[in-house]
Amino acid sequence: MTQTDRPCLAALVILILLQLIMLFSLFAGVPPHPPIATPLFGIGPFIGASVSAAIAAIVLGESRAARVLALLAVLGALVSFGPQKYLDPQFPLIWPAVIAAQLAAITVLVRLLPALSRQDA
């Protein structure tokens, strides 16, 4: 990922904004919002980690660390917006966010995977 890779940067920003909006809806109690916790972790800290990874990837720019963080950010976002959401009872209310996040995730992955396979630092 480079600073001139505008589609990848835009897709990361989409993932950041969608996750923050869902987190704010949780804090405000405005439905539909994510659950407070899952069996494995609290949603707030998880979204915080995912958003932090995306922002760090943008800041780090062209490094391999940035590419790894971008991949982690995508995986984190897909926990909230992945294909499993098509089976969620709230899908009719959240489908715009799910589809936007999935398109953003695909954009990052398509642009990122060839760069991750290279061995440059």
PDB file of N, CA and C in Angstrom:
ATOM      1  N   MET A   1       0.850  -1.176   0.000  1.00  0.00           N
ATOM      2  CA  MET A   1       0.000   0.000   0.000  1.00  0.00           C
ATOM      3  C   MET A   1       0.891   1.232   0.000  1.00  0.00           C
ATOM      4  N   THR A   2       0.606   2.144  -0.884  1.00  0.00           N
ATOM      5  CA  THR A   2       1.363   3.388  -0.928  1.00  0.00           C
ATOM      6  C   THR A   2       0.434   4.552  -0.651  1.00  0.00           C
ATOM      7  N   GLN A   3       1.027   5.680  -0.326  1.00  0.00           N
ATOM      8  CA  GLN A   3       0.210   6.868  -0.080  1.00  0.00           C
ATOM      9  C   GLN A   3      -0.529   7.296  -1.342  1.00  0.00           C
ATOM     10  N   THR A   4      -0.046   6.858  -2.496  1.00  0.00           N
ATOM     11  CA  THR A   4      -0.736   7.194  -3.740  1.00  0.00           C
ATOM     12  C   THR A   4      -1.772   6.145  -4.122  1.00  0.00           C
ATOM     13  N   ASP A   5      -1.905   5.106  -3.324  1.00  0.00           N
ATOM     14  CA  ASP A   5      -2.908   4.072  -3.581  1.00  0.00           C
ATOM     15  C   ASP A   5      -4.242   4.554  -3.023  1.00  0.00           C
ATOM     16  N   ARG A   6      -4.829   5.493  -3.735  1.00  0.00           N
ATOM     17  CA  ARG A   6      -6.046   6.150  -3.255  1.00  0.00           C
ATOM     18  C   ARG A   6      -7.216   5.196  -3.029  1.00  0.00           C
ATOM     19  N   PRO A   7      -7.468   4.225  -3.894  1.00  0.00           N
ATOM     20  CA  PRO A   7      -8.588   3.315  -3.614  1.00  0.00           C
ATOM     21  C   PRO A   7      -8.422   2.563  -2.293  1.00  0.00           C
ATOM     22  N   CYS A   8      -7.210   2.126  -2.009  1.00  0.00           N
ATOM     23  CA  CYS A   8      -6.963   1.402  -0.762  1.00  0.00           C
ATOM     24  C   CYS A   8      -7.146   2.327   0.441  1.00  0.00           C
ATOM     25  N   LEU A   9      -6.619   3.531   0.352  1.00  0.00           N
ATOM     26  CA  LEU A   9      -6.790   4.496   1.442  1.00  0.00           C
ATOM     27  C   LEU A   9      -8.259   4.831   1.648  1.00  0.00           C
ATOM     28  N   ALA A  10      -8.975   5.048   0.561  1.00  0.00           N
ATOM     29  CA  ALA A  10     -10.405   5.363   0.669  1.00  0.00           C
ATOM     30  C   ALA A  10     -11.169   4.204   1.297  1.00  0.00           C
ATOM     31  N   ALA A  11     -10.825   2.982   0.921  1.00  0.00           N
ATOM     32  CA  ALA A  11     -11.501   1.810   1.484  1.00  0.00           C
ATOM     33  C   ALA A  11     -11.227   1.685   2.977  1.00  0.00           C
ATOM     34  N   LEU A  12      -9.997   1.961   3.407  1.00  0.00           N
ATOM     35  CA  LEU A  12      -9.698   1.929   4.840  1.00  0.00           C
ATOM     36  C   LEU A  12     -10.484   3.002   5.587  1.00  0.00           C
ATOM     37  N   VAL A  13     -10.609   4.173   4.994  1.00  0.00           N
ATOM     38  CA  VAL A  13     -11.400   5.239   5.625  1.00  0.00           C
ATOM     39  C   VAL A  13     -12.865   4.820   5.736  1.00  0.00           C
ATOM     40  N   ILE A  14     -13.390   4.161   4.723  1.00  0.00           N
ATOM     41  CA  ILE A  14     -14.772   3.655   4.783  1.00  0.00           C
ATOM     42  C   ILE A  14     -14.923   2.697   5.958  1.00  0.00           C
ATOM     43  N   LEU A  15     -13.993   1.775   6.107  1.00  0.00           N
ATOM     44  CA  LEU A  15     -14.071   0.818   7.210  1.00  0.00           C
ATOM     45  C   LEU A  15     -13.984   1.520   8.566  1.00  0.00           C
ATOM     46  N   ILE A  16     -13.115   2.516   8.666  1.00  0.00           N
ATOM     47  CA  ILE A  16     -12.995   3.283   9.910  1.00  0.00           C
ATOM     48  C   ILE A  16     -14.309   3.964  10.244  1.00  0.00           C
ATOM     49  N   LEU A  17     -14.866   4.681   9.281  1.00  0.00           N
ATOM     50  CA  LEU A  17     -16.100   5.428   9.540  1.00  0.00           C
ATOM     51  C   LEU A  17     -17.275   4.515   9.862  1.00  0.00           C
ATOM     52  N   LEU A  18     -17.434   3.438   9.120  1.00  0.00           N
ATOM     53  CA  LEU A  18     -18.546   2.519   9.392  1.00  0.00           C
ATOM     54  C   LEU A  18     -18.451   1.932  10.798  1.00  0.00           C
ATOM     55  N   GLN A  19     -17.257   1.537  11.196  1.00  0.00           N
ATOM     56  CA  GLN A  19     -17.103   0.965  12.535  1.00  0.00           C
ATOM     57  C   GLN A  19     -17.335   2.003  13.626  1.00  0.00           C
ATOM     58  N   LEU A  20     -16.856   3.220  13.415  1.00  0.00           N
ATOM     59  CA  LEU A  20     -17.082   4.267  14.415  1.00  0.00           C
ATOM     60  C   LEU A  20     -18.559   4.619  14.530  1.00  0.00           C
ATOM     61  N   ILE A  21     -19.253   4.670  13.404  1.00  0.00           N
ATOM     62  CA  ILE A  21     -20.693   4.964  13.441  1.00  0.00           C
ATOM     63  C   ILE A  21     -21.432   3.871  14.202  1.00  0.00           C
ATOM     64  N   MET A  22     -21.080   2.613  13.965  1.00  0.00           N
ATOM     65  CA  MET A  22     -21.726   1.526  14.705  1.00  0.00           C
ATOM     66  C   MET A  22     -21.389   1.595  16.191  1.00  0.00           C
ATOM     67  N   LEU A  23     -20.156   1.957  16.525  1.00  0.00           N
ATOM     68  CA  LEU A  23     -19.775   2.085  17.928  1.00  0.00           C
ATOM     69  C   LEU A  23     -20.546   3.226  18.594  1.00  0.00           C
ATOM     70  N   PHE A  24     -20.675   4.346  17.897  1.00  0.00           N
ATOM     71  CA  PHE A  24     -21.438   5.472  18.452  1.00  0.00           C
ATOM     72  C   PHE A  24     -22.909   5.110  18.616  1.00  0.00           C
ATOM     73  N   SER A  25     -23.457   4.326  17.700  1.00  0.00           N
ATOM     74  CA  SER A  25     -24.859   3.912  17.852  1.00  0.00           C
ATOM     75  C   SER A  25     -25.013   2.995  19.061  1.00  0.00           C
ATOM     76  N   LEU A  26     -23.997   2.193  19.340  1.00  0.00           N
ATOM     77  CA  LEU A  26     -24.020   1.365  20.546  1.00  0.00           C
ATOM     78  C   LEU A  26     -24.013   2.247  21.789  1.00  0.00           C
ATOM     79  N   PHE A  27     -23.110   3.237  21.822  1.00  0.00           N
ATOM     80  CA  PHE A  27     -23.032   4.135  22.972  1.00  0.00           C
ATOM     81  C   PHE A  27     -24.331   4.905  23.174  1.00  0.00           C
ATOM     82  N   ALA A  28     -24.946   5.323  22.068  1.00  0.00           N
ATOM     83  CA  ALA A  28     -26.178   6.116  22.150  1.00  0.00           C
ATOM     84  C   ALA A  28     -27.417   5.247  22.353  1.00  0.00           C
ATOM     85  N   GLY A  29     -27.279   3.952  22.151  1.00  0.00           N
ATOM     86  CA  GLY A  29     -28.428   3.062  22.283  1.00  0.00           C
ATOM     87  C   GLY A  29     -29.416   3.187  21.147  1.00  0.00           C
ATOM     88  N   VAL A  30     -28.930   3.639  19.993  1.00  0.00           N
ATOM     89  CA  VAL A  30     -29.783   3.820  18.819  1.00  0.00           C
ATOM     90  C   VAL A  30     -29.735   2.548  17.977  1.00  0.00           C
ATOM     91  N   PRO A  31     -30.869   1.876  17.812  1.00  0.00           N
ATOM     92  CA  PRO A  31     -30.863   0.659  16.992  1.00  0.00           C
ATOM     93  C   PRO A  31     -30.771   1.003  15.507  1.00  0.00           C
ATOM     94  N   PRO A  32     -30.241   0.135  14.690  1.00  0.00           N
ATOM     95  CA  PRO A  32     -29.580  -1.104  15.077  1.00  0.00           C
ATOM     96  C   PRO A  32     -28.160  -0.808  15.541  1.00  0.00           C
ATOM     97  N   HIS A  33     -27.755  -1.465  16.570  1.00  0.00           N
ATOM     98  CA  HIS A  33     -26.389  -1.315  17.054  1.00  0.00           C
ATOM     99  C   HIS A  33     -25.837  -2.689  17.400  1.00  0.00           C
ATOM    100  N   PRO A  34     -24.511  -2.786  17.452  1.00  0.00           N
ATOM    101  CA  PRO A  34     -23.919  -4.085  17.778  1.00  0.00           C
ATOM    102  C   PRO A  34     -24.198  -4.449  19.234  1.00  0.00           C
ATOM    103  N   PRO A  35     -24.052  -5.718  19.570  1.00  0.00           N
ATOM    104  CA  PRO A  35     -24.199  -6.106  20.972  1.00  0.00           C
ATOM    105  C   PRO A  35     -23.049  -5.530  21.798  1.00  0.00           C
ATOM    106  N   ILE A  36     -23.263  -5.375  23.078  1.00  0.00           N
ATOM    107  CA  ILE A  36     -22.216  -4.836  23.947  1.00  0.00           C
ATOM    108  C   ILE A  36     -21.024  -5.784  24.006  1.00  0.00           C
ATOM    109  N   ALA A  37     -21.311  -7.074  23.998  1.00  0.00           N
ATOM    110  CA  ALA A  37     -20.235  -8.062  24.110  1.00  0.00           C
ATOM    111  C   ALA A  37     -20.592  -9.310  23.315  1.00  0.00           C
ATOM    112  N   THR A  38     -19.565 -10.073  22.999  1.00  0.00           N
ATOM    113  CA  THR A  38     -19.725 -11.389  22.390  1.00  0.00           C
ATOM    114  C   THR A  38     -19.158 -12.402  23.385  1.00  0.00           C
ATOM    115  N   PRO A  39     -19.300 -13.687  23.104  1.00  0.00           N
ATOM    116  CA  PRO A  39     -18.697 -14.666  24.023  1.00  0.00           C
ATOM    117  C   PRO A  39     -17.169 -14.542  24.133  1.00  0.00           C
ATOM    118  N   LEU A  40     -16.526 -13.941  23.138  1.00  0.00           N
ATOM    119  CA  LEU A  40     -15.064 -13.872  23.127  1.00  0.00           C
ATOM    120  C   LEU A  40     -14.491 -12.544  23.597  1.00  0.00           C
ATOM    121  N   PHE A  41     -15.228 -11.432  23.415  1.00  0.00           N
ATOM    122  CA  PHE A  41     -14.663 -10.115  23.717  1.00  0.00           C
ATOM    123  C   PHE A  41     -15.763  -9.067  23.768  1.00  0.00           C
ATOM    124  N   GLY A  42     -15.422  -7.910  24.345  1.00  0.00           N
ATOM    125  CA  GLY A  42     -16.318  -6.763  24.308  1.00  0.00           C
ATOM    126  C   GLY A  42     -16.206  -6.084  22.956  1.00  0.00           C
ATOM    127  N   ILE A  43     -17.310  -5.602  22.445  1.00  0.00           N
ATOM    128  CA  ILE A  43     -17.321  -4.993  21.111  1.00  0.00           C
ATOM    129  C   ILE A  43     -16.527  -3.689  21.070  1.00  0.00           C
ATOM    130  N   GLY A  44     -16.679  -2.848  22.086  1.00  0.00           N
ATOM    131  CA  GLY A  44     -15.977  -1.558  22.095  1.00  0.00           C
ATOM    132  C   GLY A  44     -14.476  -1.698  21.922  1.00  0.00           C
ATOM    133  N   PRO A  45     -13.814  -2.494  22.759  1.00  0.00           N
ATOM    134  CA  PRO A  45     -12.367  -2.660  22.593  1.00  0.00           C
ATOM    135  C   PRO A  45     -11.985  -3.300  21.259  1.00  0.00           C
ATOM    136  N   PHE A  46     -12.808  -4.216  20.777  1.00  0.00           N
ATOM    137  CA  PHE A  46     -12.503  -4.862  19.498  1.00  0.00           C
ATOM    138  C   PHE A  46     -12.574  -3.856  18.354  1.00  0.00           C
ATOM    139  N   ILE A  47     -13.638  -3.058  18.322  1.00  0.00           N
ATOM    140  CA  ILE A  47     -13.753  -2.040  17.273  1.00  0.00           C
ATOM    141  C   ILE A  47     -12.615  -1.035  17.406  1.00  0.00           C
ATOM    142  N   GLY A  48     -12.265  -0.675  18.636  1.00  0.00           N
ATOM    143  CA  GLY A  48     -11.137   0.237  18.846  1.00  0.00           C
ATOM    144  C   GLY A  48      -9.848  -0.309  18.264  1.00  0.00           C
ATOM    145  N   ALA A  49      -9.597  -1.585  18.468  1.00  0.00           N
ATOM    146  CA  ALA A  49      -8.387  -2.208  17.920  1.00  0.00           C
ATOM    147  C   ALA A  49      -8.421  -2.240  16.399  1.00  0.00           C
ATOM    148  N   SER A  50      -9.575  -2.544  15.833  1.00  0.00           N
ATOM    149  CA  SER A  50      -9.706  -2.608  14.379  1.00  0.00           C
ATOM    150  C   SER A  50      -9.512  -1.232  13.737  1.00  0.00           C
ATOM    151  N   VAL A  51     -10.140  -0.224  14.320  1.00  0.00           N
ATOM    152  CA  VAL A  51      -9.998   1.146  13.808  1.00  0.00           C
ATOM    153  C   VAL A  51      -8.551   1.614  13.964  1.00  0.00           C
ATOM    154  N   SER A  52      -7.939   1.300  15.089  1.00  0.00           N
ATOM    155  CA  SER A  52      -6.543   1.688  15.308  1.00  0.00           C
ATOM    156  C   SER A  52      -5.617   1.059  14.276  1.00  0.00           C
ATOM    157  N   ALA A  53      -5.857  -0.197  13.941  1.00  0.00           N
ATOM    158  CA  ALA A  53      -5.035  -0.866  12.925  1.00  0.00           C
ATOM    159  C   ALA A  53      -5.180  -0.179  11.571  1.00  0.00           C
ATOM    160  N   ALA A  54      -6.402   0.212  11.219  1.00  0.00           N
ATOM    161  CA  ALA A  54      -6.627   0.886   9.934  1.00  0.00           C
ATOM    162  C   ALA A  54      -5.936   2.245   9.900  1.00  0.00           C
ATOM    163  N   ILE A  55      -6.050   3.003  10.982  1.00  0.00           N
ATOM    164  CA  ILE A  55      -5.401   4.321  11.024  1.00  0.00           C
ATOM    165  C   ILE A  55      -3.883   4.162  10.986  1.00  0.00           C
ATOM    166  N   ALA A  56      -3.355   3.206  11.730  1.00  0.00           N
ATOM    167  CA  ALA A  56      -1.907   2.975  11.715  1.00  0.00           C
ATOM    168  C   ALA A  56      -1.428   2.571  10.324  1.00  0.00           C
ATOM    169  N   ALA A  57      -2.213   1.767   9.621  1.00  0.00           N
ATOM    170  CA  ALA A  57      -1.844   1.372   8.255  1.00  0.00           C
ATOM    171  C   ALA A  57      -1.757   2.590   7.346  1.00  0.00           C
ATOM    172  N   ILE A  58      -2.700   3.510   7.499  1.00  0.00           N
ATOM    173  CA  ILE A  58      -2.676   4.728   6.682  1.00  0.00           C
ATOM    174  C   ILE A  58      -1.445   5.562   7.016  1.00  0.00           C
ATOM    175  N   VAL A  59      -1.147   5.709   8.297  1.00  0.00           N
ATOM    176  CA  VAL A  59      -0.016   6.530   8.730  1.00  0.00           C
ATOM    177  C   VAL A  59       1.315   5.926   8.279  1.00  0.00           C
ATOM    178  N   LEU A  60       1.444   4.613   8.355  1.00  0.00           N
ATOM    179  CA  LEU A  60       2.712   3.959   8.016  1.00  0.00           C
ATOM    180  C   LEU A  60       2.988   3.897   6.519  1.00  0.00           C
ATOM    181  N   GLY A  61       1.964   4.060   5.706  1.00  0.00           N
ATOM    182  CA  GLY A  61       2.160   4.191   4.269  1.00  0.00           C
ATOM    183  C   GLY A  61       2.654   2.965   3.548  1.00  0.00           C
ATOM    184  N   GLU A  62       3.909   2.992   3.092  1.00  0.00           N
ATOM    185  CA  GLU A  62       4.403   1.986   2.153  1.00  0.00           C
ATOM    186  C   GLU A  62       5.087   0.787   2.799  1.00  0.00           C
ATOM    187  N   SER A  63       5.143   0.711   4.087  1.00  0.00           N
ATOM    188  CA  SER A  63       5.899  -0.366   4.731  1.00  0.00           C
ATOM    189  C   SER A  63       5.131  -1.683   4.755  1.00  0.00           C
ATOM    190  N   ARG A  64       5.870  -2.750   4.966  1.00  0.00           N
ATOM    191  CA  ARG A  64       5.239  -4.064   5.121  1.00  0.00           C
ATOM    192  C   ARG A  64       4.339  -4.073   6.358  1.00  0.00           C
ATOM    193  N   ALA A  65       4.758  -3.383   7.407  1.00  0.00           N
ATOM    194  CA  ALA A  65       3.931  -3.289   8.618  1.00  0.00           C
ATOM    195  C   ALA A  65       2.582  -2.656   8.299  1.00  0.00           C
ATOM    196  N   ALA A  66       2.581  -1.653   7.433  1.00  0.00           N
ATOM    197  CA  ALA A  66       1.320  -1.008   7.043  1.00  0.00           C
ATOM    198  C   ALA A  66       0.411  -1.995   6.330  1.00  0.00           C
ATOM    199  N   ARG A  67       0.986  -2.807   5.466  1.00  0.00           N
ATOM    200  CA  ARG A  67       0.182  -3.793   4.743  1.00  0.00           C
ATOM    201  C   ARG A  67      -0.395  -4.845   5.692  1.00  0.00           C
ATOM    202  N   VAL A  68       0.395  -5.277   6.652  1.00  0.00           N
ATOM    203  CA  VAL A  68      -0.091  -6.257   7.632  1.00  0.00           C
ATOM    204  C   VAL A  68      -1.201  -5.640   8.483  1.00  0.00           C
ATOM    205  N   LEU A  69      -1.011  -4.396   8.910  1.00  0.00           N
ATOM    206  CA  LEU A  69      -2.045  -3.719   9.697  1.00  0.00           C
ATOM    207  C   LEU A  69      -3.321  -3.514   8.886  1.00  0.00           C
ATOM    208  N   ALA A  70      -3.179  -3.201   7.609  1.00  0.00           N
ATOM    209  CA  ALA A  70      -4.365  -3.048   6.759  1.00  0.00           C
ATOM    210  C   ALA A  70      -5.114  -4.375   6.655  1.00  0.00           C
ATOM    211  N   LEU A  71      -4.383  -5.463   6.528  1.00  0.00           N
ATOM    212  CA  LEU A  71      -5.014  -6.781   6.487  1.00  0.00           C
ATOM    213  C   LEU A  71      -5.734  -7.077   7.804  1.00  0.00           C
ATOM    214  N   LEU A  72      -5.105  -6.766   8.926  1.00  0.00           N
ATOM    215  CA  LEU A  72      -5.756  -6.955  10.229  1.00  0.00           C
ATOM    216  C   LEU A  72      -7.001  -6.081  10.361  1.00  0.00           C
ATOM    217  N   ALA A  73      -6.932  -4.859   9.838  1.00  0.00           N
ATOM    218  CA  ALA A  73      -8.091  -3.963   9.886  1.00  0.00           C
ATOM    219  C   ALA A  73      -9.257  -4.536   9.087  1.00  0.00           C
ATOM    220  N   VAL A  74      -8.957  -5.094   7.926  1.00  0.00           N
ATOM    221  CA  VAL A  74     -10.011  -5.711   7.105  1.00  0.00           C
ATOM    222  C   VAL A  74     -10.620  -6.904   7.833  1.00  0.00           C
ATOM    223  N   LEU A  75      -9.785  -7.754   8.389  1.00  0.00           N
ATOM    224  CA  LEU A  75     -10.301  -8.922   9.112  1.00  0.00           C
ATOM    225  C   LEU A  75     -11.150  -8.494  10.306  1.00  0.00           C
ATOM    226  N   GLY A  76     -10.710  -7.446  11.003  1.00  0.00           N
ATOM    227  CA  GLY A  76     -11.494  -6.931  12.123  1.00  0.00           C
ATOM    228  C   GLY A  76     -12.834  -6.380  11.683  1.00  0.00           C
ATOM    229  N   ALA A  77     -12.843  -5.657  10.579  1.00  0.00           N
ATOM    230  CA  ALA A  77     -14.102  -5.102  10.073  1.00  0.00           C
ATOM    231  C   ALA A  77     -15.042  -6.206   9.616  1.00  0.00           C
ATOM    232  N   LEU A  78     -14.491  -7.272   9.058  1.00  0.00           N
ATOM    233  CA  LEU A  78     -15.349  -8.361   8.582  1.00  0.00           C
ATOM    234  C   LEU A  78     -16.006  -9.137   9.717  1.00  0.00           C
ATOM    235  N   VAL A  79     -15.476  -9.036  10.924  1.00  0.00           N
ATOM    236  CA  VAL A  79     -16.166  -9.622  12.072  1.00  0.00           C
ATOM    237  C   VAL A  79     -17.516  -8.927  12.248  1.00  0.00           C
ATOM    238  N   SER A  80     -17.533  -7.614  12.022  1.00  0.00           N
ATOM    239  CA  SER A  80     -18.776  -6.844  12.164  1.00  0.00           C
ATOM    240  C   SER A  80     -19.618  -6.818  10.897  1.00  0.00           C
ATOM    241  N   PHE A  81     -18.972  -6.893   9.733  1.00  0.00           N
ATOM    242  CA  PHE A  81     -19.683  -6.668   8.474  1.00  0.00           C
ATOM    243  C   PHE A  81     -19.490  -7.785   7.451  1.00  0.00           C
ATOM    244  N   GLY A  82     -19.041  -8.934   7.870  1.00  0.00           N
ATOM    245  CA  GLY A  82     -18.759 -10.026   6.944  1.00  0.00           C
ATOM    246  C   GLY A  82     -20.003 -10.714   6.412  1.00  0.00           C
ATOM    247  N   PRO A  83     -19.806 -11.747   5.594  1.00  0.00           N
ATOM    248  CA  PRO A  83     -20.926 -12.457   4.964  1.00  0.00           C
ATOM    249  C   PRO A  83     -21.913 -13.067   5.958  1.00  0.00           C
ATOM    250  N   GLN A  84     -21.468 -13.336   7.182  1.00  0.00           N
ATOM    251  CA  GLN A  84     -22.378 -13.880   8.191  1.00  0.00           C
ATOM    252  C   GLN A  84     -23.530 -12.927   8.490  1.00  0.00           C
ATOM    253  N   LYS A  85     -23.376 -11.654   8.170  1.00  0.00           N
ATOM    254  CA  LYS A  85     -24.430 -10.672   8.450  1.00  0.00           C
ATOM    255  C   LYS A  85     -25.651 -10.863   7.559  1.00  0.00           C
ATOM    256  N   TYR A  86     -25.505 -11.587   6.442  1.00  0.00           N
ATOM    257  CA  TYR A  86     -26.672 -11.857   5.598  1.00  0.00           C
ATOM    258  C   TYR A  86     -27.696 -12.706   6.335  1.00  0.00           C
ATOM    259  N   LEU A  87     -27.258 -13.439   7.353  1.00  0.00           N
ATOM    260  CA  LEU A  87     -28.154 -14.284   8.147  1.00  0.00           C
ATOM    261  C   LEU A  87     -28.635 -13.589   9.420  1.00  0.00           C
ATOM    262  N   ASP A  88     -28.138 -12.397   9.683  1.00  0.00           N
ATOM    263  CA  ASP A  88     -28.499 -11.645  10.888  1.00  0.00           C
ATOM    264  C   ASP A  88     -29.930 -11.126  10.770  1.00  0.00           C
ATOM    265  N   PRO A  89     -30.747 -11.272  11.812  1.00  0.00           N
ATOM    266  CA  PRO A  89     -32.121 -10.761  11.753  1.00  0.00           C
ATOM    267  C   PRO A  89     -32.196  -9.251  11.494  1.00  0.00           C
ATOM    268  N   GLN A  90     -31.130  -8.521  11.826  1.00  0.00           N
ATOM    269  CA  GLN A  90     -31.126  -7.073  11.601  1.00  0.00           C
ATOM    270  C   GLN A  90     -30.645  -6.692  10.205  1.00  0.00           C
ATOM    271  N   PHE A  91     -30.350  -7.673   9.362  1.00  0.00           N
ATOM    272  CA  PHE A  91     -29.809  -7.371   8.035  1.00  0.00           C
ATOM    273  C   PHE A  91     -30.646  -6.361   7.252  1.00  0.00           C
ATOM    274  N   PRO A  92     -31.987  -6.441   7.271  1.00  0.00           N
ATOM    275  CA  PRO A  92     -32.754  -5.441   6.526  1.00  0.00           C
ATOM    276  C   PRO A  92     -32.487  -3.999   6.982  1.00  0.00           C
ATOM    277  N   LEU A  93     -32.012  -3.833   8.209  1.00  0.00           N
ATOM    278  CA  LEU A  93     -31.705  -2.495   8.715  1.00  0.00           C
ATOM    279  C   LEU A  93     -30.254  -2.090   8.474  1.00  0.00           C
ATOM    280  N   ILE A  94     -29.370  -3.064   8.338  1.00  0.00           N
ATOM    281  CA  ILE A  94     -27.938  -2.747   8.264  1.00  0.00           C
ATOM    282  C   ILE A  94     -27.300  -3.047   6.911  1.00  0.00           C
ATOM    283  N   TRP A  95     -28.108  -3.476   5.929  1.00  0.00           N
ATOM    284  CA  TRP A  95     -27.517  -3.912   4.663  1.00  0.00           C
ATOM    285  C   TRP A  95     -26.659  -2.854   3.975  1.00  0.00           C
ATOM    286  N   PRO A  96     -26.989  -1.545   4.028  1.00  0.00           N
ATOM    287  CA  PRO A  96     -26.088  -0.594   3.351  1.00  0.00           C
ATOM    288  C   PRO A  96     -24.678  -0.611   3.946  1.00  0.00           C
ATOM    289  N   ALA A  97     -24.587  -0.695   5.262  1.00  0.00           N
ATOM    290  CA  ALA A  97     -23.274  -0.727   5.907  1.00  0.00           C
ATOM    291  C   ALA A  97     -22.547  -2.033   5.600  1.00  0.00           C
ATOM    292  N   VAL A  98     -23.264  -3.137   5.603  1.00  0.00           N
ATOM    293  CA  VAL A  98     -22.650  -4.441   5.329  1.00  0.00           C
ATOM    294  C   VAL A  98     -22.075  -4.471   3.918  1.00  0.00           C
ATOM    295  N   ILE A  99     -22.853  -4.038   2.961  1.00  0.00           N
ATOM    296  CA  ILE A  99     -22.390  -4.078   1.566  1.00  0.00           C
ATOM    297  C   ILE A  99     -21.249  -3.093   1.338  1.00  0.00           C
ATOM    298  N   ALA A 100     -21.356  -1.892   1.900  1.00  0.00           N
ATOM    299  CA  ALA A 100     -20.273  -0.912   1.757  1.00  0.00           C
ATOM    300  C   ALA A 100     -18.982  -1.439   2.380  1.00  0.00           C
ATOM    301  N   ALA A 101     -19.083  -2.036   3.553  1.00  0.00           N
ATOM    302  CA  ALA A 101     -17.889  -2.570   4.216  1.00  0.00           C
ATOM    303  C   ALA A 101     -17.292  -3.732   3.431  1.00  0.00           C
ATOM    304  N   GLN A 102     -18.138  -4.585   2.885  1.00  0.00           N
ATOM    305  CA  GLN A 102     -17.620  -5.712   2.109  1.00  0.00           C
ATOM    306  C   GLN A 102     -16.937  -5.239   0.830  1.00  0.00           C
ATOM    307  N   LEU A 103     -17.497  -4.246   0.173  1.00  0.00           N
ATOM    308  CA  LEU A 103     -16.845  -3.692  -1.021  1.00  0.00           C
ATOM    309  C   LEU A 103     -15.509  -3.048  -0.656  1.00  0.00           C
ATOM    310  N   ALA A 104     -15.480  -2.335   0.467  1.00  0.00           N
ATOM    311  CA  ALA A 104     -14.230  -1.725   0.922  1.00  0.00           C
ATOM    312  C   ALA A 104     -13.204  -2.804   1.260  1.00  0.00           C
ATOM    313  N   ALA A 105     -13.637  -3.856   1.934  1.00  0.00           N
ATOM    314  CA  ALA A 105     -12.724  -4.945   2.287  1.00  0.00           C
ATOM    315  C   ALA A 105     -12.160  -5.613   1.037  1.00  0.00           C
ATOM    316  N   ILE A 106     -13.005  -5.851   0.056  1.00  0.00           N
ATOM    317  CA  ILE A 106     -12.549  -6.455  -1.201  1.00  0.00           C
ATOM    318  C   ILE A 106     -11.534  -5.545  -1.882  1.00  0.00           C
ATOM    319  N   THR A 107     -11.801  -4.246  -1.883  1.00  0.00           N
ATOM    320  CA  THR A 107     -10.876  -3.287  -2.494  1.00  0.00           C
ATOM    321  C   THR A 107      -9.509  -3.359  -1.831  1.00  0.00           C
ATOM    322  N   VAL A 108      -9.490  -3.349  -0.507  1.00  0.00           N
ATOM    323  CA  VAL A 108      -8.209  -3.416   0.201  1.00  0.00           C
ATOM    324  C   VAL A 108      -7.506  -4.736  -0.107  1.00  0.00           C
ATOM    325  N   LEU A 109      -8.225  -5.837  -0.032  1.00  0.00           N
ATOM    326  CA  LEU A 109      -7.598  -7.146  -0.259  1.00  0.00           C
ATOM    327  C   LEU A 109      -7.045  -7.287  -1.671  1.00  0.00           C
ATOM    328  N   VAL A 110      -7.800  -6.838  -2.665  1.00  0.00           N
ATOM    329  CA  VAL A 110      -7.351  -6.947  -4.060  1.00  0.00           C
ATOM    330  C   VAL A 110      -6.080  -6.136  -4.282  1.00  0.00           C
ATOM    331  N   ARG A 111      -5.990  -4.980  -3.646  1.00  0.00           N
ATOM    332  CA  ARG A 111      -4.828  -4.125  -3.837  1.00  0.00           C
ATOM    333  C   ARG A 111      -3.679  -4.525  -2.914  1.00  0.00           C
ATOM    334  N   LEU A 112      -3.996  -5.209  -1.837  1.00  0.00           N
ATOM    335  CA  LEU A 112      -3.001  -5.505  -0.815  1.00  0.00           C
ATOM    336  C   LEU A 112      -2.311  -6.850  -1.000  1.00  0.00           C
ATOM    337  N   LEU A 113      -3.037  -7.865  -1.393  1.00  0.00           N
ATOM    338  CA  LEU A 113      -2.466  -9.214  -1.442  1.00  0.00           C
ATOM    339  C   LEU A 113      -1.251  -9.328  -2.363  1.00  0.00           C
ATOM    340  N   PRO A 114      -1.253  -8.728  -3.552  1.00  0.00           N
ATOM    341  CA  PRO A 114      -0.023  -8.798  -4.357  1.00  0.00           C
ATOM    342  C   PRO A 114       1.163  -8.127  -3.656  1.00  0.00           C
ATOM    343  N   ALA A 115       0.912  -7.028  -2.962  1.00  0.00           N
ATOM    344  CA  ALA A 115       1.994  -6.338  -2.258  1.00  0.00           C
ATOM    345  C   ALA A 115       2.489  -7.150  -1.067  1.00  0.00           C
ATOM    346  N   LEU A 116       1.600  -7.855  -0.388  1.00  0.00           N
ATOM    347  CA  LEU A 116       2.012  -8.683   0.752  1.00  0.00           C
ATOM    348  C   LEU A 116       2.868  -9.861   0.316  1.00  0.00           C
ATOM    349  N   SER A 117       2.642 -10.352  -0.886  1.00  0.00           N
ATOM    350  CA  SER A 117       3.403 -11.511  -1.355  1.00  0.00           C
ATOM    351  C   SER A 117       4.838 -11.146  -1.729  1.00  0.00           C
ATOM    352  N   ARG A 118       5.083  -9.869  -2.008  1.00  0.00           N
ATOM    353  CA  ARG A 118       6.456  -9.433  -2.287  1.00  0.00           C
ATOM    354  C   ARG A 118       7.249  -9.424  -0.989  1.00  0.00           C
ATOM    355  N   GLN A 119       8.530  -9.575  -1.072  1.00  0.00           N
ATOM    356  CA  GLN A 119       9.371  -9.662   0.122  1.00  0.00           C
ATOM    357  C   GLN A 119      10.099  -8.358   0.429  1.00  0.00           C
ATOM    358  N   ASP A 120       9.607  -7.216  -0.049  1.00  0.00           N
ATOM    359  CA  ASP A 120      10.284  -5.959   0.269  1.00  0.00           C
ATOM    360  C   ASP A 120       9.889  -5.494   1.664  1.00  0.00           C
ATOM    361  N   ALA A 121      10.732  -4.695   2.284  1.00  0.00           N
ATOM    362  CA  ALA A 121      10.472  -4.223   3.650  1.00  0.00           C
ATOM    363  C   ALA A 121       9.778  -2.969   3.646  1.00  0.00           C
TER     364      ALA A 121
END
